[in-house]
Protein backbone atom coordinates (compact mmCIF):
# COMPACT_ATOMS: atom_id res chain seq x y z
CA MET A 1 6.42 -2.87 -8.97
CA GLN A 2 2.89 -1.69 -8.19
CA PRO A 3 0.72 -4.06 -6.14
CA ALA A 4 -1.94 -5.83 -8.20
CA LEU A 5 -4.57 -5.06 -5.56
CA ARG A 6 -5.32 -2.06 -3.39
CA PRO A 7 -7.28 -1.84 -0.13
CA GLY A 8 -10.98 -1.82 -0.87
CA ASP A 9 -10.78 -3.57 -4.25
CA GLY A 10 -13.54 -6.06 -4.98
CA LEU A 11 -12.70 -9.46 -6.44
CA ILE A 12 -14.55 -11.97 -8.56
CA ILE A 13 -13.34 -15.51 -7.88
CA ASN A 14 -13.64 -18.61 -10.07
CA ARG A 15 -13.85 -21.55 -7.65
CA TRP A 16 -13.52 -24.17 -10.38
CA ALA A 17 -10.47 -22.92 -12.30
CA SER A 18 -7.13 -24.55 -11.59
CA PRO A 19 -4.51 -21.95 -10.69
CA HIS A 20 -1.39 -21.69 -12.84
CA LEU A 21 1.96 -20.00 -12.39
CA GLY A 22 1.47 -16.24 -11.98
CA ASP A 23 -2.26 -16.41 -11.16
CA ILE A 24 -3.66 -14.55 -8.17
CA VAL A 25 -5.62 -16.81 -5.82
CA LEU A 26 -7.84 -16.50 -2.76
CA LEU A 27 -6.81 -18.99 -0.07
CA ARG A 28 -7.39 -19.85 3.55
CA ASP A 29 -4.53 -18.90 5.84
CA PRO A 30 -2.85 -22.18 6.89
CA ASP A 31 -2.30 -20.82 10.42
CA TYR A 32 -5.70 -19.13 10.89
CA PRO A 33 -8.28 -20.92 8.65
CA LYS A 34 -11.00 -18.29 9.21
CA ARG A 35 -8.75 -15.65 7.62
CA MET A 36 -8.57 -15.32 3.82
CA LEU A 37 -5.43 -14.30 1.94
CA VAL A 38 -4.84 -13.16 -1.62
CA LYS A 39 -1.50 -14.33 -3.06
CA ARG A 40 0.23 -15.01 -6.37
CA VAL A 41 1.12 -18.59 -7.38
CA ALA A 42 4.92 -18.80 -7.69
CA ALA A 43 5.36 -22.54 -8.26
CA ARG A 44 3.84 -25.99 -7.89
CA THR A 45 5.71 -28.78 -6.13
CA THR A 46 6.01 -32.37 -7.33
CA GLU A 47 3.51 -33.31 -4.59
CA GLY A 48 0.92 -30.97 -6.13
CA HIS A 49 1.15 -28.28 -3.43
CA TYR A 50 1.36 -24.58 -4.30
CA ILE A 51 4.05 -22.09 -3.37
CA VAL A 52 2.50 -18.64 -3.09
CA ARG A 53 4.10 -15.23 -2.79
CA ALA A 54 2.89 -11.84 -1.62
CA ASP A 55 3.18 -9.00 -4.15
CA ASN A 56 4.67 -6.93 -1.32
CA PRO A 57 7.00 -9.37 0.49
CA ASN A 58 8.03 -6.77 3.10
CA VAL A 59 4.48 -6.63 4.46
CA GLY A 60 2.69 -9.90 3.65
CA THR A 61 3.20 -13.47 4.75
CA ASP A 62 3.51 -16.19 2.16
CA SER A 63 5.05 -19.62 1.58
CA ARG A 64 8.35 -18.36 2.97
CA PHE A 65 6.63 -18.39 6.37
CA PHE A 66 4.06 -21.20 6.17
CA GLY A 67 5.48 -23.41 3.40
CA ALA A 68 3.79 -24.90 0.37
CA ILE A 69 0.01 -25.13 0.67
CA PRO A 70 -2.24 -28.02 -0.33
CA PRO A 71 -4.82 -27.40 -3.09
CA ALA A 72 -7.62 -27.79 -0.51
CA LEU A 73 -6.71 -24.38 0.99
CA ILE A 74 -7.23 -22.57 -2.30
CA VAL A 75 -10.74 -21.13 -2.52
CA GLY A 76 -10.43 -19.97 -6.11
CA LYS A 77 -8.60 -18.05 -8.78
CA VAL A 78 -9.10 -14.29 -9.04
CA VAL A 79 -10.50 -13.55 -12.48
CA TRP A 80 -11.53 -9.91 -12.09
CA ARG A 81 -10.67 -6.95 -9.86
CA TYR A 82 -12.85 -3.87 -9.58
CA ARG A 83 -12.78 -0.65 -7.60
CA LYS A 84 -15.48 -0.21 -5.01
CA ARG A 85 -16.88 3.28 -4.67
């Protein structure tokens, strides 16, 4: 499977849209809050937290490492990707 994003891609984020299963989201890293991550929503728990996965699990960290994340860590849903020149 090809990654949805490549290094250098630009993103347009909708901060008000609620993420759904399969959506790509921008979130704050639970371990390093100044760092932003881009992940895919894999599931939502009964407590309302999100389980996120990396498109390349051999390289990226995701909920397998830091657990389900609260909605407050999600900055927004990715609605558009574009190539920077």
